[in-house]
Amino acid sequence: MTILQLIGLILLSMSPLGEHKVGIPLALKVYELEPIYAWLICTGANMVSPPIIWYFLKNINQKLIRFDFYRKHAFDLARYSKRKLGNSVDKYGFWGIMIFIMIPLPMTGSYTGLVAAWMVGLHKKPALIAAYLGLILSSIIVIVGYSGLFSFLD
């Protein structure tokens, strides 16, 4: 694995398009990393994003919302997040966010989960702890599931 491939894997694992749900399988199958290294690199990279997302929502979002292009997309994402989570965030709060982020499916990661947490007024500390726990549990599900699911093909 080259340094550029490693950087690409880290950036993919941090991005809302990939997170560890795409990074771990890529690391295992394409780059043939050992499962522990794939988990550490991809999960570690994904753990960088929650505080950045929260900072953006609390600070930068307020400044950009006055621009029509941004406002339209921000409201679309907010509606999507609310629709995806339904009433579970309002009803279950911390646990609802954690379980939502833990589900290893597309668009159920820390980005969507933290937008929903921010929308319902969850405080920073519980929102970030829920995101971290959800990411760790999700990455364990992904690595165990992917390793077990495809081990019979080898």
N, C-alpha and C. Protein backbone atom coordinates (compact mmCIF):
# COMPACT_ATOMS: atom_id res chain seq x y z
N MET A 1 0.85 -1.17 0.00
CA MET A 1 0.00 0.00 0.00
C MET A 1 0.89 1.23 0.00
N THR A 2 0.66 2.12 -0.97
CA THR A 2 1.46 3.34 -1.05
C THR A 2 0.90 4.40 -0.11
N ILE A 3 1.66 5.43 0.10
CA ILE A 3 1.23 6.54 0.96
C ILE A 3 0.00 7.24 0.36
N LEU A 4 -0.05 7.36 -0.97
CA LEU A 4 -1.21 7.98 -1.62
C LEU A 4 -2.46 7.12 -1.44
N GLN A 5 -2.31 5.81 -1.51
CA GLN A 5 -3.45 4.92 -1.28
C GLN A 5 -3.93 5.02 0.17
N LEU A 6 -2.98 5.12 1.09
CA LEU A 6 -3.33 5.28 2.50
C LEU A 6 -4.07 6.59 2.73
N ILE A 7 -3.58 7.67 2.15
CA ILE A 7 -4.25 8.97 2.28
C ILE A 7 -5.66 8.90 1.69
N GLY A 8 -5.78 8.27 0.52
CA GLY A 8 -7.09 8.10 -0.10
C GLY A 8 -8.03 7.30 0.79
N LEU A 9 -7.54 6.24 1.40
CA LEU A 9 -8.34 5.41 2.29
C LEU A 9 -8.79 6.21 3.51
N ILE A 10 -7.90 7.00 4.06
CA ILE A 10 -8.23 7.84 5.22
C ILE A 10 -9.28 8.88 4.84
N LEU A 11 -9.09 9.55 3.72
CA LEU A 11 -10.06 10.57 3.29
C LEU A 11 -11.42 9.96 2.99
N LEU A 12 -11.44 8.79 2.36
CA LEU A 12 -12.70 8.11 2.09
C LEU A 12 -13.40 7.74 3.39
N SER A 13 -12.64 7.28 4.37
CA SER A 13 -13.21 6.89 5.66
C SER A 13 -13.71 8.08 6.45
N MET A 14 -13.21 9.26 6.15
CA MET A 14 -13.68 10.48 6.82
C MET A 14 -14.86 11.12 6.10
N SER A 15 -15.06 10.78 4.85
CA SER A 15 -16.05 11.48 4.03
C SER A 15 -17.46 10.97 4.28
N PRO A 16 -18.46 11.81 4.03
CA PRO A 16 -19.84 11.36 4.19
C PRO A 16 -20.24 10.32 3.15
N LEU A 17 -19.51 10.22 2.07
CA LEU A 17 -19.83 9.25 1.02
C LEU A 17 -19.32 7.85 1.34
N GLY A 18 -18.35 7.76 2.21
CA GLY A 18 -17.78 6.46 2.47
C GLY A 18 -17.85 6.05 3.92
N GLU A 19 -17.26 6.87 4.76
CA GLU A 19 -17.05 6.53 6.16
C GLU A 19 -16.36 5.16 6.21
N HIS A 20 -16.33 4.56 7.37
CA HIS A 20 -15.65 3.26 7.51
C HIS A 20 -16.40 2.14 6.80
N LYS A 21 -17.67 2.37 6.48
CA LYS A 21 -18.50 1.33 5.84
C LYS A 21 -18.01 0.99 4.44
N VAL A 22 -17.32 1.91 3.82
CA VAL A 22 -16.72 1.67 2.51
C VAL A 22 -15.21 1.47 2.68
N GLY A 23 -14.62 2.19 3.61
CA GLY A 23 -13.17 2.11 3.81
C GLY A 23 -12.69 0.74 4.24
N ILE A 24 -13.40 0.12 5.18
CA ILE A 24 -12.97 -1.20 5.68
C ILE A 24 -12.99 -2.26 4.59
N PRO A 25 -14.10 -2.43 3.85
CA PRO A 25 -14.06 -3.43 2.77
C PRO A 25 -12.99 -3.14 1.72
N LEU A 26 -12.78 -1.87 1.40
CA LEU A 26 -11.74 -1.50 0.44
C LEU A 26 -10.36 -1.90 0.98
N ALA A 27 -10.12 -1.60 2.25
CA ALA A 27 -8.83 -1.93 2.86
C ALA A 27 -8.59 -3.44 2.90
N LEU A 28 -9.64 -4.19 3.16
CA LEU A 28 -9.50 -5.65 3.25
C LEU A 28 -9.33 -6.31 1.89
N LYS A 29 -10.19 -5.96 0.95
CA LYS A 29 -10.19 -6.68 -0.33
C LYS A 29 -9.23 -6.11 -1.35
N VAL A 30 -9.19 -4.80 -1.49
CA VAL A 30 -8.33 -4.20 -2.52
C VAL A 30 -6.90 -4.06 -2.04
N TYR A 31 -6.73 -3.52 -0.84
CA TYR A 31 -5.37 -3.28 -0.33
C TYR A 31 -4.85 -4.46 0.49
N GLU A 32 -5.70 -5.45 0.74
CA GLU A 32 -5.34 -6.67 1.45
C GLU A 32 -4.66 -6.41 2.80
N LEU A 33 -5.19 -5.44 3.53
CA LEU A 33 -4.69 -5.18 4.87
C LEU A 33 -5.21 -6.23 5.83
N GLU A 34 -4.48 -6.45 6.89
CA GLU A 34 -4.96 -7.31 7.96
C GLU A 34 -6.19 -6.64 8.57
N PRO A 35 -7.17 -7.40 9.03
CA PRO A 35 -8.39 -6.81 9.58
C PRO A 35 -8.16 -5.78 10.69
N ILE A 36 -7.22 -6.04 11.58
CA ILE A 36 -6.98 -5.08 12.67
C ILE A 36 -6.47 -3.74 12.15
N TYR A 37 -5.61 -3.78 11.13
CA TYR A 37 -5.10 -2.54 10.56
C TYR A 37 -6.18 -1.81 9.77
N ALA A 38 -6.99 -2.56 9.04
CA ALA A 38 -8.10 -1.95 8.31
C ALA A 38 -9.05 -1.27 9.28
N TRP A 39 -9.35 -1.96 10.39
CA TRP A 39 -10.26 -1.40 11.39
C TRP A 39 -9.66 -0.14 12.03
N LEU A 40 -8.40 -0.23 12.44
CA LEU A 40 -7.76 0.92 13.10
C LEU A 40 -7.69 2.14 12.18
N ILE A 41 -7.26 1.95 10.94
CA ILE A 41 -7.10 3.08 10.02
C ILE A 41 -8.46 3.69 9.68
N CYS A 42 -9.40 2.87 9.28
CA CYS A 42 -10.69 3.39 8.80
C CYS A 42 -11.55 3.93 9.93
N THR A 43 -11.60 3.23 11.04
CA THR A 43 -12.38 3.71 12.18
C THR A 43 -11.72 4.95 12.77
N GLY A 44 -10.40 4.92 12.89
CA GLY A 44 -9.69 6.10 13.41
C GLY A 44 -9.93 7.33 12.55
N ALA A 45 -9.89 7.16 11.25
CA ALA A 45 -10.15 8.29 10.35
C ALA A 45 -11.58 8.78 10.49
N ASN A 46 -12.52 7.85 10.59
CA ASN A 46 -13.93 8.23 10.72
C ASN A 46 -14.20 8.94 12.04
N MET A 47 -13.42 8.65 13.08
CA MET A 47 -13.60 9.28 14.39
C MET A 47 -13.20 10.76 14.40
N VAL A 48 -12.49 11.18 13.37
CA VAL A 48 -12.09 12.59 13.28
C VAL A 48 -13.29 13.47 12.90
N SER A 49 -14.24 12.93 12.16
CA SER A 49 -15.31 13.76 11.59
C SER A 49 -16.36 14.28 12.57
N PRO A 50 -16.81 13.56 13.62
CA PRO A 50 -17.88 14.12 14.46
C PRO A 50 -17.63 15.50 15.05
N PRO A 51 -16.45 15.79 15.63
CA PRO A 51 -16.29 17.15 16.16
C PRO A 51 -16.27 18.21 15.06
N ILE A 52 -15.79 17.84 13.88
CA ILE A 52 -15.79 18.77 12.75
C ILE A 52 -17.23 19.04 12.30
N ILE A 53 -18.03 17.99 12.23
CA ILE A 53 -19.44 18.15 11.85
C ILE A 53 -20.15 19.03 12.85
N TRP A 54 -19.95 18.77 14.14
CA TRP A 54 -20.63 19.55 15.18
C TRP A 54 -20.20 21.01 15.14
N TYR A 55 -18.90 21.25 14.97
CA TYR A 55 -18.41 22.63 14.86
C TYR A 55 -19.06 23.33 13.67
N PHE A 56 -19.12 22.65 12.55
CA PHE A 56 -19.73 23.22 11.36
C PHE A 56 -21.19 23.57 11.62
N LEU A 57 -21.93 22.65 12.22
CA LEU A 57 -23.35 22.89 12.48
C LEU A 57 -23.58 24.05 13.43
N LYS A 58 -22.76 24.16 14.46
CA LYS A 58 -22.95 25.20 15.47
C LYS A 58 -22.40 26.56 15.05
N ASN A 59 -21.43 26.60 14.16
CA ASN A 59 -20.77 27.87 13.86
C ASN A 59 -20.90 28.30 12.39
N ILE A 60 -20.45 27.48 11.50
CA ILE A 60 -20.37 27.87 10.10
C ILE A 60 -21.75 27.82 9.43
N ASN A 61 -22.57 26.86 9.82
CA ASN A 61 -23.92 26.72 9.26
C ASN A 61 -24.71 28.02 9.40
N GLN A 62 -24.62 28.69 10.55
CA GLN A 62 -25.36 29.94 10.80
C GLN A 62 -24.97 31.03 9.80
N LYS A 63 -23.72 31.03 9.38
CA LYS A 63 -23.24 32.06 8.45
C LYS A 63 -23.64 31.75 7.00
N LEU A 64 -23.67 30.48 6.66
CA LEU A 64 -23.96 30.09 5.27
C LEU A 64 -25.44 30.02 4.95
N ILE A 65 -26.29 29.92 5.98
CA ILE A 65 -27.71 29.70 5.76
C ILE A 65 -28.38 30.86 5.01
N ARG A 66 -27.75 32.01 4.99
CA ARG A 66 -28.34 33.17 4.28
C ARG A 66 -28.20 33.07 2.76
N PHE A 67 -27.37 32.14 2.28
CA PHE A 67 -27.21 31.95 0.84
C PHE A 67 -28.22 30.92 0.34
N ASP A 68 -28.96 31.29 -0.70
CA ASP A 68 -30.04 30.44 -1.21
C ASP A 68 -29.58 29.04 -1.56
N PHE A 69 -28.47 28.92 -2.28
CA PHE A 69 -27.98 27.61 -2.70
C PHE A 69 -27.71 26.73 -1.49
N TYR A 70 -27.01 27.26 -0.51
CA TYR A 70 -26.69 26.49 0.69
C TYR A 70 -27.96 26.16 1.47
N ARG A 71 -28.82 27.16 1.66
CA ARG A 71 -30.03 26.97 2.46
C ARG A 71 -30.89 25.83 1.90
N LYS A 72 -31.06 25.80 0.57
CA LYS A 72 -31.87 24.75 -0.06
C LYS A 72 -31.30 23.37 0.26
N HIS A 73 -29.99 23.21 0.09
CA HIS A 73 -29.38 21.90 0.34
C HIS A 73 -29.34 21.57 1.83
N ALA A 74 -29.13 22.56 2.66
CA ALA A 74 -29.12 22.32 4.11
C ALA A 74 -30.50 21.87 4.58
N PHE A 75 -31.55 22.52 4.09
CA PHE A 75 -32.90 22.12 4.47
C PHE A 75 -33.26 20.75 3.93
N ASP A 76 -32.79 20.43 2.72
CA ASP A 76 -33.03 19.09 2.17
C ASP A 76 -32.37 18.02 3.04
N LEU A 77 -31.12 18.27 3.46
CA LEU A 77 -30.42 17.32 4.32
C LEU A 77 -31.11 17.21 5.68
N ALA A 78 -31.56 18.34 6.21
CA ALA A 78 -32.24 18.32 7.51
C ALA A 78 -33.54 17.52 7.41
N ARG A 79 -34.31 17.74 6.36
CA ARG A 79 -35.55 16.97 6.17
C ARG A 79 -35.25 15.49 5.99
N TYR A 80 -34.21 15.18 5.23
CA TYR A 80 -33.82 13.78 5.02
C TYR A 80 -33.45 13.13 6.35
N SER A 81 -32.63 13.82 7.14
CA SER A 81 -32.20 13.29 8.43
C SER A 81 -33.39 13.04 9.34
N LYS A 82 -34.29 13.99 9.39
CA LYS A 82 -35.46 13.87 10.24
C LYS A 82 -36.35 12.71 9.76
N ARG A 83 -36.52 12.59 8.45
CA ARG A 83 -37.34 11.51 7.90
C ARG A 83 -36.70 10.14 8.17
N LYS A 84 -35.38 10.05 8.02
CA LYS A 84 -34.67 8.79 8.24
C LYS A 84 -34.81 8.33 9.69
N LEU A 85 -34.70 9.28 10.60
CA LEU A 85 -34.74 8.94 12.01
C LEU A 85 -36.15 8.91 12.58
N GLY A 86 -37.08 9.56 11.89
CA GLY A 86 -38.45 9.60 12.39
C GLY A 86 -38.50 10.22 13.77
N ASN A 87 -39.24 9.61 14.67
CA ASN A 87 -39.38 10.14 16.03
C ASN A 87 -38.39 9.53 17.00
N SER A 88 -37.51 8.66 16.50
CA SER A 88 -36.61 7.96 17.41
C SER A 88 -35.66 8.90 18.14
N VAL A 89 -35.24 9.98 17.48
CA VAL A 89 -34.34 10.93 18.16
C VAL A 89 -35.11 11.66 19.25
N ASP A 90 -36.30 12.13 18.91
CA ASP A 90 -37.11 12.82 19.92
C ASP A 90 -37.43 11.89 21.09
N LYS A 91 -37.76 10.64 20.76
CA LYS A 91 -38.19 9.69 21.78
C LYS A 91 -37.03 9.10 22.57
N TYR A 92 -35.95 8.71 21.86
CA TYR A 92 -34.85 8.00 22.50
C TYR A 92 -33.59 8.83 22.68
N GLY A 93 -33.51 10.00 22.07
CA GLY A 93 -32.38 10.91 22.24
C GLY A 93 -31.04 10.26 21.95
N PHE A 94 -30.20 10.23 22.97
CA PHE A 94 -28.84 9.69 22.87
C PHE A 94 -28.84 8.29 22.26
N TRP A 95 -29.68 7.40 22.79
CA TRP A 95 -29.71 6.00 22.33
C TRP A 95 -30.21 5.91 20.89
N GLY A 96 -31.16 6.74 20.53
CA GLY A 96 -31.66 6.75 19.15
C GLY A 96 -30.57 7.13 18.16
N ILE A 97 -29.78 8.15 18.51
CA ILE A 97 -28.67 8.59 17.65
C ILE A 97 -27.62 7.49 17.56
N MET A 98 -27.25 6.92 18.70
CA MET A 98 -26.22 5.89 18.71
C MET A 98 -26.63 4.68 17.86
N ILE A 99 -27.85 4.21 18.04
CA ILE A 99 -28.31 3.04 17.28
C ILE A 99 -28.41 3.36 15.80
N PHE A 100 -28.90 4.56 15.47
CA PHE A 100 -28.99 4.96 14.06
C PHE A 100 -27.61 4.95 13.41
N ILE A 101 -26.62 5.53 14.08
CA ILE A 101 -25.26 5.58 13.53
C ILE A 101 -24.65 4.19 13.49
N MET A 102 -25.03 3.33 14.42
CA MET A 102 -24.48 1.98 14.50
C MET A 102 -24.92 1.11 13.33
N ILE A 103 -26.06 1.38 12.73
CA ILE A 103 -26.57 0.55 11.64
C ILE A 103 -25.65 0.72 10.42
N PRO A 104 -25.02 -0.35 9.98
CA PRO A 104 -24.05 -0.22 8.87
C PRO A 104 -24.71 -0.22 7.49
N LEU A 105 -25.51 0.79 7.23
CA LEU A 105 -26.13 0.98 5.93
C LEU A 105 -25.77 2.36 5.38
N PRO A 106 -25.88 2.57 4.08
CA PRO A 106 -25.60 3.89 3.52
C PRO A 106 -26.52 4.97 4.14
N MET A 107 -25.99 6.12 4.35
CA MET A 107 -26.70 7.29 4.88
C MET A 107 -27.20 7.10 6.31
N THR A 108 -26.56 6.24 7.09
CA THR A 108 -26.90 6.08 8.50
C THR A 108 -25.68 6.34 9.37
N GLY A 109 -24.80 7.19 8.90
CA GLY A 109 -23.56 7.43 9.62
C GLY A 109 -23.59 8.65 10.51
N SER A 110 -22.41 9.09 10.88
CA SER A 110 -22.28 10.19 11.82
C SER A 110 -22.77 11.52 11.24
N TYR A 111 -22.65 11.71 9.94
CA TYR A 111 -23.09 12.97 9.34
C TYR A 111 -24.60 13.14 9.50
N THR A 112 -25.37 12.16 9.06
CA THR A 112 -26.82 12.23 9.16
C THR A 112 -27.27 12.20 10.61
N GLY A 113 -26.65 11.35 11.41
CA GLY A 113 -27.01 11.25 12.82
C GLY A 113 -26.77 12.52 13.59
N LEU A 114 -25.64 13.18 13.34
CA LEU A 114 -25.35 14.42 14.06
C LEU A 114 -26.21 15.59 13.58
N VAL A 115 -26.57 15.60 12.31
CA VAL A 115 -27.50 16.63 11.83
C VAL A 115 -28.84 16.48 12.56
N ALA A 116 -29.31 15.24 12.68
CA ALA A 116 -30.56 15.00 13.39
C ALA A 116 -30.44 15.37 14.87
N ALA A 117 -29.32 15.03 15.50
CA ALA A 117 -29.11 15.38 16.91
C ALA A 117 -29.11 16.89 17.10
N TRP A 118 -28.47 17.58 16.19
CA TRP A 118 -28.42 19.05 16.26
C TRP A 118 -29.81 19.65 16.07
N MET A 119 -30.58 19.08 15.14
CA MET A 119 -31.92 19.59 14.86
C MET A 119 -32.86 19.47 16.06
N VAL A 120 -32.73 18.40 16.82
CA VAL A 120 -33.62 18.23 17.97
C VAL A 120 -33.06 18.81 19.25
N GLY A 121 -31.90 19.45 19.16
CA GLY A 121 -31.36 20.16 20.30
C GLY A 121 -30.57 19.31 21.28
N LEU A 122 -30.08 18.15 20.86
CA LEU A 122 -29.23 17.34 21.72
C LEU A 122 -27.94 18.12 21.98
N HIS A 123 -27.48 18.11 23.20
CA HIS A 123 -26.26 18.84 23.55
C HIS A 123 -25.04 18.18 22.93
N LYS A 124 -23.96 18.96 22.85
CA LYS A 124 -22.74 18.53 22.16
C LYS A 124 -22.16 17.24 22.74
N LYS A 125 -21.96 17.21 24.05
CA LYS A 125 -21.28 16.05 24.65
C LYS A 125 -22.05 14.75 24.41
N PRO A 126 -23.34 14.67 24.74
CA PRO A 126 -24.03 13.40 24.47
C PRO A 126 -24.13 13.07 22.98
N ALA A 127 -24.24 14.09 22.13
CA ALA A 127 -24.31 13.85 20.68
C ALA A 127 -23.00 13.23 20.19
N LEU A 128 -21.87 13.78 20.62
CA LEU A 128 -20.58 13.25 20.19
C LEU A 128 -20.30 11.86 20.77
N ILE A 129 -20.68 11.65 22.03
CA ILE A 129 -20.48 10.32 22.63
C ILE A 129 -21.34 9.29 21.88
N ALA A 130 -22.58 9.64 21.57
CA ALA A 130 -23.45 8.74 20.80
C ALA A 130 -22.85 8.44 19.44
N ALA A 131 -22.29 9.47 18.81
CA ALA A 131 -21.67 9.29 17.49
C ALA A 131 -20.46 8.36 17.59
N TYR A 132 -19.61 8.57 18.58
CA TYR A 132 -18.42 7.73 18.74
C TYR A 132 -18.80 6.27 19.04
N LEU A 133 -19.73 6.06 19.95
CA LEU A 133 -20.15 4.70 20.26
C LEU A 133 -20.78 4.03 19.04
N GLY A 134 -21.62 4.78 18.33
CA GLY A 134 -22.24 4.24 17.12
C GLY A 134 -21.21 3.89 16.06
N LEU A 135 -20.20 4.76 15.89
CA LEU A 135 -19.15 4.48 14.90
C LEU A 135 -18.34 3.25 15.27
N ILE A 136 -17.98 3.13 16.53
CA ILE A 136 -17.19 1.97 16.96
C ILE A 136 -17.98 0.68 16.76
N LEU A 137 -19.23 0.67 17.22
CA LEU A 137 -20.05 -0.54 17.08
C LEU A 137 -20.31 -0.87 15.61
N SER A 138 -20.57 0.14 14.81
CA SER A 138 -20.80 -0.07 13.38
C SER A 138 -19.56 -0.64 12.70
N SER A 139 -18.40 -0.10 13.05
CA SER A 139 -17.17 -0.58 12.42
C SER A 139 -16.86 -2.02 12.82
N ILE A 140 -17.21 -2.39 14.04
CA ILE A 140 -17.03 -3.78 14.46
C ILE A 140 -17.98 -4.69 13.67
N ILE A 141 -19.21 -4.25 13.49
CA ILE A 141 -20.18 -5.03 12.70
C ILE A 141 -19.68 -5.18 11.27
N VAL A 142 -19.16 -4.09 10.70
CA VAL A 142 -18.68 -4.13 9.31
C VAL A 142 -17.50 -5.08 9.18
N ILE A 143 -16.52 -4.97 10.06
CA ILE A 143 -15.32 -5.80 9.90
C ILE A 143 -15.62 -7.28 10.16
N VAL A 144 -16.43 -7.56 11.17
CA VAL A 144 -16.78 -8.95 11.46
C VAL A 144 -17.67 -9.50 10.34
N GLY A 145 -18.66 -8.71 9.94
CA GLY A 145 -19.56 -9.15 8.87
C GLY A 145 -18.85 -9.34 7.56
N TYR A 146 -18.01 -8.40 7.20
CA TYR A 146 -17.31 -8.49 5.93
C TYR A 146 -16.31 -9.65 5.94
N SER A 147 -15.57 -9.78 7.02
CA SER A 147 -14.58 -10.87 7.11
C SER A 147 -15.28 -12.22 7.10
N GLY A 148 -16.36 -12.35 7.86
CA GLY A 148 -17.08 -13.60 7.91
C GLY A 148 -17.87 -13.90 6.65
N LEU A 149 -18.49 -12.87 6.09
CA LEU A 149 -19.32 -13.03 4.91
C LEU A 149 -18.53 -13.49 3.70
N PHE A 150 -17.34 -12.95 3.55
CA PHE A 150 -16.56 -13.27 2.36
C PHE A 150 -15.43 -14.28 2.61
N SER A 151 -15.31 -14.78 3.82
CA SER A 151 -14.24 -15.73 4.10
C SER A 151 -14.44 -17.04 3.34
N PHE A 152 -15.68 -17.43 3.08
CA PHE A 152 -15.92 -18.69 2.36
C PHE A 152 -15.54 -18.60 0.89
N LEU A 153 -15.35 -17.38 0.37
CA LEU A 153 -14.96 -17.22 -1.03
C LEU A 153 -13.46 -17.43 -1.24
N ASP A 154 -12.70 -17.31 -0.18
CA ASP A 154 -11.24 -17.44 -0.30
C ASP A 154 -10.76 -18.86 -0.36
